[in-house]
């Protein structure tokens, strides 16, 4: 055990199983981020292992970065994770085009955004977390692009 962080507690949190589920919840990057921040307060092999798992595999950079920072605070020797390049979901453009075509002619951007959120909350949430404040303009750019046949 490392004792670099005097605030860290050396036992498992009572809600460890809940936190474990939360870091794997694909529908909410915010839930995963909150779970990472809470896990980072516990200096145990299990919490550190879980933070390593998040840092290596979460699709939202913000969540991976938070796991990195918590691991650093706990005295772990870790490298800053790289930002994702390209599509976070295979076939994203086809999925978005299908959603766009399922809406009536003349639909609004808001209708497209709502349908994406309802049909593919995993995609919506991941890109919202990944793009941050640029999410709406990124999504609008895709929506405005002419549909390729």
Protein backbone atom coordinates (compact mmCIF):
# COMPACT_ATOMS: atom_id res chain seq x y z
CA UNK A 1 0.00 0.00 0.00
CA UNK A 2 1.13 3.51 -0.75
CA UNK A 3 0.76 6.16 1.89
CA UNK A 4 1.44 9.14 -0.37
CA UNK A 5 -2.12 10.38 0.02
CA UNK A 6 -2.95 10.89 3.69
CA UNK A 7 -6.63 11.43 2.83
CA UNK A 8 -7.01 7.97 1.29
CA UNK A 9 -8.60 5.29 3.44
CA UNK A 10 -7.07 1.78 3.45
CA UNK A 11 -10.30 -0.23 3.44
CA UNK A 12 -12.99 -0.85 0.87
CA UNK A 13 -15.87 1.64 0.79
CA UNK A 14 -19.24 0.29 1.96
CA UNK A 15 -20.68 1.05 -1.48
CA UNK A 16 -17.82 -0.60 -3.42
CA UNK A 17 -20.15 -2.92 -5.39
CA UNK A 18 -22.31 0.07 -6.39
CA UNK A 19 -19.23 2.04 -7.44
CA UNK A 20 -18.00 -0.96 -9.42
CA UNK A 21 -21.31 -1.04 -11.31
CA UNK A 22 -21.26 2.75 -11.79
CA UNK A 23 -17.83 2.80 -13.47
CA UNK A 24 -19.17 0.34 -16.04
CA UNK A 25 -22.48 2.13 -16.65
CA UNK A 26 -22.33 3.00 -20.37
CA UNK A 27 -25.43 5.18 -20.26
CA UNK A 28 -23.86 7.87 -18.08
CA UNK A 29 -20.34 9.21 -18.29
CA UNK A 30 -21.21 11.53 -15.37
CA UNK A 31 -22.01 8.52 -13.15
CA UNK A 32 -18.70 6.95 -14.18
CA UNK A 33 -16.83 10.18 -13.43
CA UNK A 34 -18.46 10.49 -9.98
CA UNK A 35 -17.62 6.85 -9.22
CA UNK A 36 -13.98 7.40 -10.23
CA UNK A 37 -13.74 10.44 -7.96
CA UNK A 38 -15.18 8.48 -5.06
CA UNK A 39 -13.00 5.41 -5.70
CA UNK A 40 -9.93 7.65 -5.70
CA UNK A 41 -10.45 8.31 -2.00
CA UNK A 42 -9.74 4.67 -1.14
CA UNK A 43 -6.19 3.26 -1.20
CA UNK A 44 -6.91 -0.46 -1.64
CA UNK A 45 -5.79 -3.02 -4.22
CA UNK A 46 -9.40 -3.43 -5.42
CA UNK A 47 -10.09 0.30 -5.91
CA UNK A 48 -6.70 0.86 -7.57
CA UNK A 49 -7.31 -2.09 -9.92
CA UNK A 50 -10.71 -0.66 -10.83
CA UNK A 51 -9.23 2.80 -11.49
CA UNK A 52 -6.59 1.22 -13.76
CA UNK A 53 -9.40 -0.57 -15.63
CA UNK A 54 -11.28 2.74 -16.14
CA UNK A 55 -8.15 4.62 -17.18
CA UNK A 56 -7.36 1.98 -19.80
CA UNK A 57 -10.81 1.37 -21.18
CA UNK A 58 -13.38 4.13 -20.72
CA UNK A 59 -14.53 5.72 -23.97
CA UNK A 60 -14.80 9.24 -22.52
CA UNK A 61 -11.43 10.94 -22.16
CA UNK A 62 -12.62 13.04 -19.21
CA UNK A 63 -13.35 9.86 -17.23
CA UNK A 64 -10.01 8.23 -18.18
CA UNK A 65 -8.20 11.44 -17.22
CA UNK A 66 -9.94 11.54 -13.81
CA UNK A 67 -8.90 7.92 -13.15
CA UNK A 68 -5.32 8.86 -14.09
CA UNK A 69 -5.32 11.81 -11.67
CA UNK A 70 -6.72 9.69 -8.82
CA UNK A 71 -4.13 6.96 -9.45
CA UNK A 72 -1.36 9.58 -9.43
CA UNK A 73 -2.67 10.93 -6.09
CA UNK A 74 -2.55 7.38 -4.73
CA UNK A 75 1.12 7.15 -5.72
CA UNK A 76 0.66 4.87 -8.72
CA UNK A 77 3.17 5.09 -11.57
CA UNK A 78 0.81 5.79 -14.50
CA UNK A 79 0.99 7.59 -17.85
CA UNK A 80 -1.60 10.13 -18.99
CA UNK A 81 -4.05 8.31 -21.28
CA UNK A 82 -4.23 9.41 -24.92
CA UNK A 83 -7.30 11.11 -26.36
CA UNK A 84 -9.38 8.94 -28.68
CA UNK A 85 -8.94 9.54 -32.37
CA UNK A 86 -11.71 8.83 -34.84
CA UNK A 87 -15.02 7.10 -34.18
CA UNK A 88 -15.76 5.85 -30.68
CA UNK A 89 -18.46 3.53 -32.10
CA UNK A 90 -17.96 1.37 -35.17
CA UNK A 91 -20.38 2.35 -37.93
CA UNK A 92 -21.39 5.61 -36.22
CA UNK A 93 -22.30 7.41 -39.45
CA UNK A 94 -24.59 4.55 -40.55
CA UNK A 95 -26.31 4.53 -37.15
CA UNK A 96 -26.86 8.30 -37.21
CA UNK A 97 -28.07 8.20 -40.82
CA UNK A 98 -30.58 5.46 -39.92
CA UNK A 99 -31.93 7.60 -37.07
CA UNK A 100 -32.12 10.66 -39.35
CA UNK A 101 -33.99 8.70 -42.06
CA UNK A 102 -36.44 7.31 -39.49
CA UNK A 103 -37.69 10.84 -38.78
CA UNK A 104 -40.30 12.58 -40.95
CA UNK A 105 -39.22 14.92 -43.76
CA UNK A 106 -38.62 18.42 -42.40
CA UNK A 107 -37.83 17.30 -38.83
CA UNK A 108 -35.84 19.65 -36.60
CA UNK A 109 -32.37 19.20 -35.16
CA UNK A 110 -33.95 18.95 -31.69
CA UNK A 111 -36.13 16.03 -32.87
CA UNK A 112 -33.05 14.29 -34.28
CA UNK A 113 -31.11 14.88 -31.05
CA UNK A 114 -34.01 13.56 -28.91
CA UNK A 115 -34.43 10.44 -31.04
CA UNK A 116 -30.69 9.71 -30.83
CA UNK A 117 -30.84 10.09 -27.06
CA UNK A 118 -33.83 7.71 -26.84
CA UNK A 119 -32.64 5.10 -29.34
CA UNK A 120 -28.90 5.10 -28.60
CA UNK A 121 -28.30 6.66 -25.20
CA UNK A 122 -24.88 4.95 -25.12
CA UNK A 123 -23.72 6.83 -28.24
CA UNK A 124 -25.36 10.07 -27.14
CA UNK A 125 -23.83 9.96 -23.69
CA UNK A 126 -20.34 8.90 -24.82
CA UNK A 127 -20.06 11.64 -27.43
CA UNK A 128 -21.61 14.23 -25.13
CA UNK A 129 -18.88 13.44 -22.60
CA UNK A 130 -16.15 13.23 -25.21
CA UNK A 131 -17.08 16.40 -27.14
CA UNK A 132 -18.05 18.50 -24.12
CA UNK A 133 -19.29 21.95 -25.13
CA UNK A 134 -18.71 21.16 -28.82
CA UNK A 135 -21.24 18.29 -28.74
CA UNK A 136 -24.25 20.20 -30.12
CA UNK A 137 -22.32 21.82 -32.96
CA UNK A 138 -20.66 18.48 -33.82
CA UNK A 139 -24.03 16.69 -33.86
CA UNK A 140 -25.69 19.50 -35.80
CA UNK A 141 -22.93 19.26 -38.43
CA UNK A 142 -23.73 15.58 -38.89
CA UNK A 143 -27.47 16.26 -39.00
CA UNK A 144 -27.05 19.02 -41.60
CA UNK A 145 -24.84 16.91 -43.85
CA UNK A 146 -26.68 15.63 -46.91
CA UNK A 147 -27.73 11.99 -46.57
CA UNK A 148 -25.62 9.74 -48.76
CA UNK A 149 -27.56 7.05 -50.57
